[in-house]
Amino acid sequence: MSVVRLEIANVRNLQSVALLPHPHLNLLTGANGSGKTSVLEALHLLGLGRSFRSGRARRLVNDAESACTVFAVFGDGGQAGIRRGANGETDLKVDNSSQVTLAQLAHRLPLCLLDPESMDLLDAGSKPRRAQLDWGVFHVEHRFYPVWLRYQRALKQRNSLLRSGNIGRLESAVWHRELADSAVQLHSFRGAYLTSWQPAWAELMKSFLPDQDLSLDYTPGWDLAMPLEVQLAESWEKDVERGHTQIGPHRADLRVKRGTAPADEVLSRGQKKLVVCALKLSQVALLQATGQHCVLLVDDLASELDALARQRLIDYLAVSGAQVFITSIEPEAVKPALEGTGNSFKMFHVEQGNVVEVP
């Protein structure tokens, strides 16, 4: 289900763009500020309803306009569109239906982003790593999202009660039970997914960083030796003092380690980028093994990667089966490696908001 036609209007400096992408490999080149990353941003908006560069709609929409739109036709004949107003209002449409949720949009166009900010997976707190884990579970386990929503609602309610001071330990028992029931299900879904993800990631790491012996260390967010409902009751007073729930799946983490040391403390930036690429691309492989198609957005591929690392990454992208959009300031930093794969691809030059296919 690749994108066969993409139309973008008023996303930053892209006022009116229409392109016919290659079903597998696409290279976007242009100077800084030309608009090439905005093409990826438009696809991200279409697939997830938000930008990966800014949370403010006004920054996404062209300064002279009140809204931006992105529309795509897929290889299976389906369509999807989104209109995002500068005031934050959002209208969605998928396959001629406007009764669409963002979750349904995400299922229609699975997206994986690799950009310089992806380093947050290793360098930042647990939130981006937890989100990356849940991205994979969301796309392969249809029961995950309703349970995730149930847990988030219960967590929000419990945190609100903790801060209100209007409810005691006994009255809170119902929320402990609700939180614990959904937490156990979430942990089960994550655990089943990790059983498949870890070996897939390890196998890909043999190609990307064959000289590194790394492992994934998952912590669920609470002590599995004791029922979470009991632990929530025992932590009530401490949670009241802090105003939030301190244990549960929302505190889960997934760390990459070399021995006992976190990978972010022992690897170079280039090596960390390859680790992150392996994490995300192995998830894409698992997704595509279920028969779903993924679109990969690779922003500034050449950044912090030497020629050998770039070639290894591009060789994998070429055989991944996903539709890939790559940006690069210098064509020669990526084009020879693409040509070296023996696969066909399309190249587009972006300049001052205009996108032109290069013959």
Protein backbone atom coordinates (compact mmCIF):
# COMPACT_ATOMS: atom_id res chain seq x y z
CA MET A 1 0.00 0.00 0.00
CA SER A 2 2.52 2.56 -1.14
CA VAL A 3 1.68 6.21 -1.83
CA VAL A 4 1.29 6.57 -5.62
CA ARG A 5 0.25 10.23 -5.60
CA LEU A 6 0.94 12.89 -3.00
CA GLU A 7 -0.54 16.39 -2.96
CA ILE A 8 0.58 19.02 -0.46
CA ALA A 9 -0.79 22.54 -0.03
CA ASN A 10 0.51 25.22 2.34
CA VAL A 11 2.66 23.02 4.56
CA ARG A 12 5.33 25.57 5.52
CA ASN A 13 6.83 26.81 2.21
CA LEU A 14 5.22 24.04 0.11
CA GLN A 15 2.32 26.02 -1.34
CA SER A 16 1.20 23.62 -4.07
CA VAL A 17 3.06 20.35 -4.62
CA ALA A 18 2.04 17.20 -6.46
CA LEU A 19 4.35 14.25 -7.00
CA LEU A 20 4.20 10.64 -8.10
CA PRO A 21 6.59 8.77 -5.80
CA HIS A 22 8.42 5.55 -6.60
CA PRO A 23 6.76 2.59 -4.84
CA HIS A 24 10.00 1.82 -2.98
CA LEU A 25 12.90 4.30 -3.06
CA ASN A 26 12.69 8.10 -3.27
CA LEU A 27 15.49 10.64 -2.79
CA LEU A 28 14.71 14.30 -2.05
CA THR A 29 17.62 16.72 -2.40
CA GLY A 30 17.95 20.44 -1.86
CA ALA A 31 19.59 23.12 0.25
CA ASN A 32 18.71 23.78 3.86
CA GLY A 33 15.33 25.50 4.04
CA SER A 34 14.31 24.40 0.55
CA GLY A 35 11.35 22.35 1.78
CA LYS A 36 12.58 18.77 1.44
CA THR A 37 12.03 17.96 5.14
CA SER A 38 8.60 19.59 4.84
CA VAL A 39 7.63 16.86 2.36
CA LEU A 40 8.39 14.28 5.05
CA GLU A 41 6.54 16.44 7.56
CA ALA A 42 3.48 16.44 5.30
CA LEU A 43 3.53 12.64 5.11
CA HIS A 44 3.93 12.46 8.88
CA LEU A 45 0.93 14.77 9.27
CA LEU A 46 -1.12 12.54 6.97
CA GLY A 47 -0.20 9.37 8.84
CA LEU A 48 -0.29 10.58 12.44
CA GLY A 49 -2.19 13.86 12.41
CA ARG A 50 0.76 15.85 13.71
CA SER A 51 4.17 17.23 12.75
CA PHE A 52 7.43 15.75 14.00
CA ARG A 53 9.04 19.20 14.05
CA SER A 54 6.60 21.34 16.02
CA GLY A 55 3.49 20.83 18.09
CA ARG A 56 2.10 24.23 17.10
CA ALA A 57 -0.21 24.20 14.08
CA ARG A 58 0.58 27.83 13.24
CA ARG A 59 4.20 26.91 12.54
CA LEU A 60 3.14 24.06 10.26
CA VAL A 61 0.78 26.17 8.13
CA ASN A 62 2.18 28.63 5.60
CA ASP A 63 2.24 32.11 7.14
CA ALA A 64 -0.04 33.52 4.45
CA GLU A 65 -2.71 30.81 4.82
CA SER A 66 -5.25 29.70 7.41
CA ALA A 67 -4.88 25.94 6.83
CA CYS A 68 -2.78 23.29 5.14
CA THR A 69 -3.87 20.08 3.43
CA VAL A 70 -2.23 16.78 2.51
CA PHE A 71 -3.86 14.20 0.25
CA ALA A 72 -2.61 10.81 -0.92
CA VAL A 73 -3.73 8.06 -3.25
CA PHE A 74 -2.50 4.56 -2.34
CA GLY A 75 -1.51 1.63 -4.47
CA ASP A 76 -4.64 -0.29 -3.45
CA GLY A 77 -6.84 2.50 -4.80
CA GLY A 78 -7.63 3.96 -1.38
CA GLN A 79 -7.25 7.59 -0.40
CA ALA A 80 -6.54 9.64 2.70
CA GLY A 81 -6.56 13.34 3.39
CA ILE A 82 -6.08 15.75 6.27
CA ARG A 83 -6.77 19.45 6.67
CA ARG A 84 -5.04 21.19 9.57
CA GLY A 85 -6.03 24.72 10.45
CA ALA A 86 -3.62 27.23 11.90
CA ASN A 87 -5.96 27.32 14.90
CA GLY A 88 -5.39 23.59 15.47
CA GLU A 89 -8.67 22.32 14.03
CA THR A 90 -8.26 19.05 12.13
CA ASP A 91 -10.45 17.35 9.52
CA LEU A 92 -9.73 13.79 8.42
CA LYS A 93 -10.94 11.68 5.53
CA VAL A 94 -10.08 8.09 4.69
CA ASP A 95 -11.54 6.22 1.72
CA ASN A 96 -14.38 8.76 1.34
CA SER A 97 -15.34 8.58 5.02
CA SER A 98 -14.99 11.58 7.32
CA GLN A 99 -15.93 9.55 10.42
CA VAL A 100 -12.29 8.75 11.12
CA THR A 101 -10.13 8.75 14.25
CA LEU A 102 -6.39 9.42 14.38
CA ALA A 103 -5.89 5.78 15.38
CA GLN A 104 -7.65 4.65 12.20
CA LEU A 105 -5.52 7.07 10.18
CA ALA A 106 -2.36 5.62 11.73
CA HIS A 107 -3.47 2.10 10.81
CA ARG A 108 -4.18 3.19 7.22
CA LEU A 109 -0.72 4.68 6.72
CA PRO A 110 1.87 3.14 9.08
CA LEU A 111 4.85 5.51 9.28
CA CYS A 112 8.34 5.12 10.70
CA LEU A 113 10.55 8.19 11.12
CA LEU A 114 14.34 8.23 11.20
CA ASP A 115 15.70 11.72 11.78
CA PRO A 116 18.45 13.42 13.83
CA GLU A 117 16.04 13.71 16.79
CA SER A 118 15.65 9.92 16.83
CA MET A 119 18.76 9.88 19.02
CA ASP A 120 16.33 10.62 21.85
CA LEU A 121 15.58 6.92 21.92
CA LEU A 122 18.93 6.31 23.60
CA ASP A 123 19.88 9.65 25.11
CA ALA A 124 16.63 10.92 26.65
CA GLY A 125 14.27 9.57 29.30
CA SER A 126 12.07 6.51 29.01
CA LYS A 127 9.13 8.18 27.24
CA PRO A 128 10.37 7.98 23.61
CA ARG A 129 11.56 4.39 24.09
CA ARG A 130 8.22 3.39 25.57
CA ALA A 131 6.43 5.12 22.69
CA GLN A 132 8.57 3.27 20.17
CA LEU A 133 7.76 -0.06 21.78
CA ASP A 134 4.06 0.76 21.79
CA TRP A 135 4.22 1.83 18.11
CA GLY A 136 5.13 -1.72 17.22
CA VAL A 137 2.55 -3.33 19.50
CA PHE A 138 -0.18 -0.98 18.19
CA HIS A 139 0.36 -2.11 14.60
CA VAL A 140 0.53 -5.87 15.18
CA GLU A 141 -1.88 -6.38 18.10
CA HIS A 142 -5.38 -5.00 17.43
CA ARG A 143 -6.42 -5.47 21.08
CA PHE A 144 -3.63 -3.20 22.34
CA TYR A 145 -5.08 0.26 21.65
CA PRO A 146 -8.42 -0.14 23.51
CA VAL A 147 -6.56 -1.50 26.54
CA TRP A 148 -4.00 1.31 26.31
CA LEU A 149 -6.83 3.87 26.26
CA ARG A 150 -8.47 2.18 29.26
CA TYR A 151 -5.20 2.34 31.21
CA GLN A 152 -4.61 6.00 30.31
CA ARG A 153 -8.11 6.97 31.47
CA ALA A 154 -7.69 5.13 34.77
CA LEU A 155 -4.24 6.67 35.28
CA LYS A 156 -5.55 10.16 34.59
CA GLN A 157 -8.42 9.63 37.03
CA ARG A 158 -6.15 8.28 39.77
CA ASN A 159 -3.70 11.17 39.35
CA SER A 160 -6.57 13.64 39.53
CA LEU A 161 -7.76 12.08 42.78
CA LEU A 162 -4.24 12.09 44.20
CA ARG A 163 -4.03 15.84 43.68
CA SER A 164 -7.57 16.60 44.85
CA GLY A 165 -7.17 15.18 48.36
CA ASN A 166 -10.87 14.32 48.39
CA ILE A 167 -10.56 10.56 48.46
CA GLY A 168 -8.85 8.17 50.84
CA ARG A 169 -7.11 4.83 50.60
CA LEU A 170 -10.31 2.70 50.80
CA GLU A 171 -12.23 4.75 48.23
CA SER A 172 -9.28 4.55 45.81
CA ALA A 173 -9.43 0.74 45.65
CA VAL A 174 -11.70 0.75 42.60
CA TRP A 175 -9.14 2.72 40.59
CA HIS A 176 -6.32 0.48 41.77
CA ARG A 177 -8.23 -2.49 40.42
CA GLU A 178 -9.03 -0.79 37.11
CA LEU A 179 -5.43 0.35 36.69
CA ALA A 180 -4.01 -3.06 37.59
CA ASP A 181 -6.32 -5.02 35.30
CA SER A 182 -5.44 -2.98 32.22
CA ALA A 183 -1.76 -2.83 33.24
CA VAL A 184 -1.46 -6.62 33.27
CA GLN A 185 -2.94 -6.79 29.76
CA LEU A 186 -0.60 -4.08 28.48
CA HIS A 187 2.39 -5.88 29.92
CA SER A 188 1.26 -9.11 28.29
CA PHE A 189 0.97 -7.47 24.86
CA ARG A 190 4.36 -5.77 25.22
CA GLY A 191 6.00 -8.99 26.38
CA ALA A 192 4.65 -11.00 23.44
CA TYR A 193 5.85 -8.33 21.02
CA LEU A 194 9.31 -8.17 22.59
CA THR A 195 9.67 -11.93 22.13
CA SER A 196 9.56 -11.34 18.37
CA TRP A 197 11.28 -7.94 18.30
CA GLN A 198 14.46 -8.73 20.23
CA PRO A 199 15.80 -11.47 17.90
CA ALA A 200 14.82 -9.44 14.81
CA TRP A 201 16.77 -6.46 16.16
CA ALA A 202 19.76 -8.62 17.14
CA GLU A 203 19.91 -10.11 13.64
CA LEU A 204 19.88 -6.68 12.01
CA MET A 205 22.58 -5.46 14.40
CA LYS A 206 24.90 -8.14 12.99
CA SER A 207 24.80 -6.24 9.69
CA PHE A 208 24.89 -2.70 11.06
CA LEU A 209 27.39 -3.07 13.94
CA PRO A 210 28.88 -6.57 13.76
CA ASP A 211 31.64 -5.75 16.26
CA GLN A 212 29.25 -4.70 19.06
CA ASP A 213 27.67 -7.12 21.57
CA LEU A 214 24.50 -5.30 22.63
CA SER A 215 21.30 -6.40 24.33
CA LEU A 216 17.82 -5.07 25.10
CA ASP A 217 16.85 -4.71 28.76
CA TYR A 218 13.12 -4.26 29.40
CA THR A 219 11.65 -3.18 32.75
CA PRO A 220 7.82 -3.27 33.06
CA GLY A 221 7.41 -0.33 35.47
CA TRP A 222 6.54 -2.29 38.62
CA ASP A 223 7.63 -5.35 40.58
CA LEU A 224 6.09 -8.37 38.87
CA ALA A 225 6.60 -10.49 42.00
CA MET A 226 3.68 -8.72 43.70
CA PRO A 227 0.19 -7.83 42.35
CA LEU A 228 0.14 -4.27 41.05
CA GLU A 229 -3.15 -3.61 42.82
CA VAL A 230 -1.46 -4.29 46.16
CA GLN A 231 1.54 -2.11 45.27
CA LEU A 232 -0.73 0.78 44.24
CA ALA A 233 -2.55 0.60 47.58
CA GLU A 234 0.73 0.56 49.51
CA SER A 235 2.13 3.53 47.58
CA TRP A 236 -0.99 5.69 48.03
CA GLU A 237 0.45 8.07 50.65
CA LYS A 238 3.71 8.57 48.75
CA ASP A 239 1.80 9.14 45.54
CA VAL A 240 -0.38 11.73 47.30
CA GLU A 241 2.77 13.60 48.36
CA ARG A 242 4.11 13.63 44.79
CA GLY A 243 0.75 14.13 43.10
CA HIS A 244 1.13 11.34 40.56
CA THR A 245 1.23 7.55 40.20
CA GLN A 246 4.83 6.33 40.39
CA ILE A 247 4.46 2.70 39.30
CA GLY A 248 2.80 0.98 36.35
CA PRO A 249 3.26 0.45 32.58
CA HIS A 250 3.57 4.21 32.08
CA ARG A 251 6.97 3.91 33.82
CA ALA A 252 8.20 0.99 31.71
CA ASP A 253 11.53 1.32 29.93
CA LEU A 254 13.57 -0.40 27.24
CA ARG A 255 17.34 0.17 27.41
CA VAL A 256 20.04 -0.88 24.98
CA LYS A 257 23.09 -2.08 26.89
CA ARG A 258 26.62 -3.31 26.31
CA GLY A 259 27.18 -5.59 29.24
CA THR A 260 25.79 -3.63 32.18
CA ALA A 261 26.52 -0.19 30.68
CA PRO A 262 23.82 1.80 28.85
CA ALA A 263 24.66 2.06 25.14
CA ASP A 264 24.33 5.85 25.18
CA GLU A 265 27.34 6.02 27.50
CA VAL A 266 29.71 3.81 25.48
CA LEU A 267 28.85 4.27 21.79
CA SER A 268 29.74 7.07 19.38
CA ARG A 269 26.97 9.18 17.87
CA GLY A 270 27.31 7.39 14.55
CA GLN A 271 27.05 4.01 16.28
CA LYS A 272 24.02 5.17 18.27
CA LYS A 273 22.32 6.24 15.05
CA LEU A 274 22.80 2.75 13.62
CA VAL A 275 21.41 1.19 16.82
CA VAL A 276 18.30 3.37 16.56
CA CYS A 277 17.97 2.52 12.86
CA ALA A 278 18.17 -1.18 13.72
CA LEU A 279 15.53 -0.80 16.43
CA LYS A 280 13.07 0.94 14.14
CA LEU A 281 13.77 -1.02 10.97
CA SER A 282 13.42 -4.36 12.74
CA GLN A 283 9.98 -3.16 13.86
CA VAL A 284 9.15 -2.30 10.26
CA ALA A 285 10.19 -5.80 9.23
CA LEU A 286 7.89 -7.33 11.84
CA LEU A 287 5.04 -5.13 10.67
CA GLN A 288 5.53 -6.01 7.02
CA ALA A 289 5.70 -9.72 7.91
CA THR A 290 2.02 -9.38 8.94
CA GLY A 291 1.14 -8.21 5.41
CA GLN A 292 0.97 -4.50 6.24
CA HIS A 293 2.96 -1.92 4.30
CA CYS A 294 5.06 0.77 5.97
CA VAL A 295 6.33 4.14 4.77
CA LEU A 296 9.80 5.09 6.00
CA LEU A 297 10.76 8.75 6.38
CA VAL A 298 14.55 9.16 6.56
CA ASP A 299 15.58 12.77 7.15
CA ASP A 300 19.22 13.77 6.58
CA LEU A 301 20.43 10.20 6.10
CA ALA A 302 24.09 11.10 5.64
CA SER A 303 24.33 12.95 8.97
CA GLU A 304 26.92 11.39 11.31
CA LEU A 305 27.31 8.22 9.21
CA ASP A 306 30.49 7.33 7.37
CA ALA A 307 30.38 5.92 3.82
CA LEU A 308 30.38 2.27 4.96
CA ALA A 309 27.57 2.83 7.45
CA ARG A 310 25.52 4.72 4.84
CA GLN A 311 25.95 1.88 2.37
CA ARG A 312 24.89 -0.73 4.92
CA LEU A 313 21.78 1.26 5.80
CA ILE A 314 20.82 1.95 2.18
CA ASP A 315 21.40 -1.68 1.21
CA TYR A 316 18.89 -2.67 3.88
CA LEU A 317 16.38 0.03 2.91
CA ALA A 318 16.53 -1.18 -0.69
CA VAL A 319 15.40 -4.69 0.24
CA SER A 320 13.09 -3.74 3.13
CA GLY A 321 9.98 -3.77 0.97
CA ALA A 322 8.88 -0.49 2.52
CA GLN A 323 8.32 2.73 0.61
CA VAL A 324 11.21 5.00 1.56
CA PHE A 325 11.58 8.78 1.36
CA ILE A 326 15.16 9.97 1.98
CA THR A 327 16.33 13.58 2.24
CA SER A 328 19.88 14.76 1.67
CA ILE A 329 21.48 18.14 1.11
CA GLU A 330 24.11 16.70 -1.24
CA PRO A 331 22.87 14.20 -3.87
CA GLU A 332 26.29 12.55 -4.07
CA ALA A 333 26.14 11.63 -0.38
CA VAL A 334 23.32 9.18 -1.08
CA LYS A 335 22.74 8.71 -4.83
CA PRO A 336 25.81 6.51 -5.56
CA ALA A 337 24.85 4.19 -2.70
CA LEU A 338 21.29 3.93 -4.06
CA GLU A 339 22.64 3.18 -7.51
CA GLY A 340 24.93 0.56 -5.99
CA THR A 341 21.93 -1.45 -4.77
CA GLY A 342 20.86 -2.16 -8.35
CA ASN A 343 17.31 -1.05 -7.53
CA SER A 344 15.36 1.59 -9.40
CA PHE A 345 14.49 4.80 -7.58
CA LYS A 346 13.18 8.30 -8.15
CA MET A 347 15.01 11.50 -7.33
CA PHE A 348 13.32 14.85 -6.66
CA HIS A 349 14.96 18.26 -6.35
CA VAL A 350 13.36 20.68 -3.90
CA GLU A 351 13.99 24.43 -4.20
CA GLN A 352 12.05 27.28 -2.61
CA GLY A 353 9.04 25.09 -1.97
CA ASN A 354 8.91 23.57 -5.44
CA VAL A 355 9.42 19.84 -5.97
CA VAL A 356 10.63 18.65 -9.39
CA GLU A 357 11.36 15.09 -10.40
CA VAL A 358 14.90 14.69 -11.74
CA PRO A 359 14.98 12.63 -14.99
